[in-house]
Amino acid sequence: MIELKSMVRYTTLADQFSLDKCNPFYPIINESLERIFKYIYEYTDIMYIEFINETVLYKYIKHYNDCGNNYFQQAIRDVKNYLFFLKCIKKKKDVPCVDLSVQNLELWKKI
């Protein structure tokens, strides 16, 4: 039963993260989407992308910050690509408001 729930969750998430290979942005953002998908699947209980909020994305950045500087830069790029995916490709109305500016001092203190 647990395996079935896990498989359903995996499939549901994967479908939401899917991007058509014919999309001109596919080569640019597909790897970012794969990394965020992997993080969401392994470290959260989220089943729908509508529940991925600012806090989850900040935790994603922090997780990769702990892995080293190169991963941190990649995590920032991943979040930007994910937000683009939501806004421009999925046409979602409620996109997390992630402030990655230098002025967001509280974020950078936590990370």
Protein backbone atom coordinates (compact mmCIF):
# COMPACT_ATOMS: atom_id res chain seq x y z
CA MET A 1 0.00 0.00 0.00
CA ILE A 2 2.83 2.39 0.86
CA GLU A 3 4.57 1.56 -2.42
CA LEU A 4 1.38 2.32 -4.32
CA LYS A 5 1.04 5.72 -2.60
CA SER A 6 4.67 6.45 -3.35
CA MET A 7 4.25 5.48 -7.00
CA VAL A 8 1.11 7.59 -7.34
CA ARG A 9 2.88 10.56 -5.73
CA TYR A 10 5.91 10.14 -8.00
CA THR A 11 3.77 9.91 -11.14
CA THR A 12 1.59 12.86 -10.14
CA LEU A 13 4.61 15.07 -9.45
CA ALA A 14 6.45 13.94 -12.58
CA ASP A 15 3.44 14.79 -14.75
CA GLN A 16 3.32 18.29 -13.32
CA PHE A 17 7.04 18.85 -13.90
CA SER A 18 6.94 17.54 -17.45
CA LEU A 19 8.05 19.82 -20.24
CA ASP A 20 7.56 19.08 -23.93
CA LYS A 21 10.90 18.43 -25.66
CA CYS A 22 9.72 20.62 -28.54
CA ASN A 23 9.50 23.60 -26.20
CA PRO A 24 12.29 26.07 -27.09
CA PHE A 25 13.14 26.46 -23.38
CA TYR A 26 13.53 22.70 -22.84
CA PRO A 27 17.34 22.62 -23.09
CA ILE A 28 17.67 25.58 -20.74
CA ILE A 29 15.35 24.61 -17.89
CA ASN A 30 14.84 20.84 -18.03
CA GLU A 31 17.81 19.97 -15.79
CA SER A 32 16.70 22.58 -13.25
CA LEU A 33 13.22 21.09 -13.19
CA GLU A 34 14.67 17.61 -12.71
CA ARG A 35 16.77 18.74 -9.72
CA ILE A 36 13.85 20.54 -8.07
CA PHE A 37 11.59 17.56 -8.74
CA LYS A 38 14.11 15.23 -7.11
CA TYR A 39 14.39 17.49 -4.06
CA ILE A 40 10.61 17.84 -3.71
CA TYR A 41 10.10 14.09 -4.03
CA GLU A 42 12.88 13.08 -1.64
CA TYR A 43 12.70 15.78 1.05
CA THR A 44 9.03 16.78 1.22
CA ASP A 45 5.59 15.22 1.22
CA ILE A 46 4.28 17.58 -1.45
CA MET A 47 2.19 16.01 -4.18
CA TYR A 48 1.10 19.07 -6.19
CA ILE A 49 3.26 21.94 -7.42
CA GLU A 50 0.65 24.38 -6.15
CA PHE A 51 1.94 23.58 -2.65
CA ILE A 52 5.55 24.45 -3.46
CA ASN A 53 5.85 27.84 -1.82
CA GLU A 54 8.62 30.31 -1.00
CA THR A 55 9.65 28.40 2.12
CA VAL A 56 10.16 25.16 0.19
CA LEU A 57 12.22 26.96 -2.46
CA TYR A 58 14.32 28.72 0.19
CA LYS A 59 14.94 25.33 1.85
CA TYR A 60 15.96 23.98 -1.56
CA ILE A 61 18.55 26.76 -1.85
CA LYS A 62 19.77 26.16 1.70
CA HIS A 63 20.06 22.43 1.05
CA TYR A 64 22.33 23.04 -1.93
CA ASN A 65 24.22 25.79 -0.15
CA ASP A 66 25.29 23.19 2.38
CA CYS A 67 26.74 21.15 -0.51
CA GLY A 68 29.14 23.89 -1.67
CA ASN A 69 29.41 27.11 -3.65
CA ASN A 70 28.95 25.64 -7.13
CA TYR A 71 25.77 23.90 -6.04
CA PHE A 72 24.51 27.09 -4.41
CA GLN A 73 24.81 29.03 -7.67
CA GLN A 74 23.09 26.19 -9.47
CA ALA A 75 20.26 26.18 -6.91
CA ILE A 76 19.65 29.91 -7.46
CA ARG A 77 19.49 29.30 -11.21
CA ASP A 78 17.17 26.33 -10.66
CA VAL A 79 14.73 28.42 -8.64
CA LYS A 80 14.72 31.16 -11.27
CA ASN A 81 14.09 28.58 -14.00
CA TYR A 82 11.34 26.95 -11.94
CA LEU A 83 9.59 30.30 -11.44
CA PHE A 84 9.85 30.96 -15.18
CA PHE A 85 8.38 27.52 -15.82
CA LEU A 86 5.41 28.30 -13.58
CA LYS A 87 4.78 31.81 -14.93
CA CYS A 88 5.44 31.45 -18.62
CA ILE A 89 5.01 27.80 -19.48
CA LYS A 90 2.41 26.53 -17.03
CA LYS A 91 0.70 29.95 -16.91
CA LYS A 92 0.07 29.64 -13.16
CA LYS A 93 -1.54 32.62 -11.46
CA ASP A 94 -0.25 31.93 -7.96
CA VAL A 95 3.51 31.78 -8.34
CA PRO A 96 5.63 31.85 -5.17
CA CYS A 97 7.09 35.29 -4.49
CA VAL A 98 10.76 34.44 -4.10
CA ASP A 99 13.02 37.40 -3.42
CA LEU A 100 16.58 36.51 -4.41
CA SER A 101 17.81 40.09 -4.31
CA VAL A 102 20.67 41.25 -2.14
CA GLN A 103 18.15 43.35 -0.23
CA ASN A 104 16.55 40.21 1.20
CA LEU A 105 18.98 40.20 4.10
CA GLU A 106 16.93 37.82 6.24
CA LEU A 107 17.15 35.11 3.58
CA TRP A 108 20.90 35.39 3.21
CA LYS A 109 21.40 35.33 7.00
CA LYS A 110 19.48 32.04 7.21
CA ILE A 111 21.40 30.51 4.36
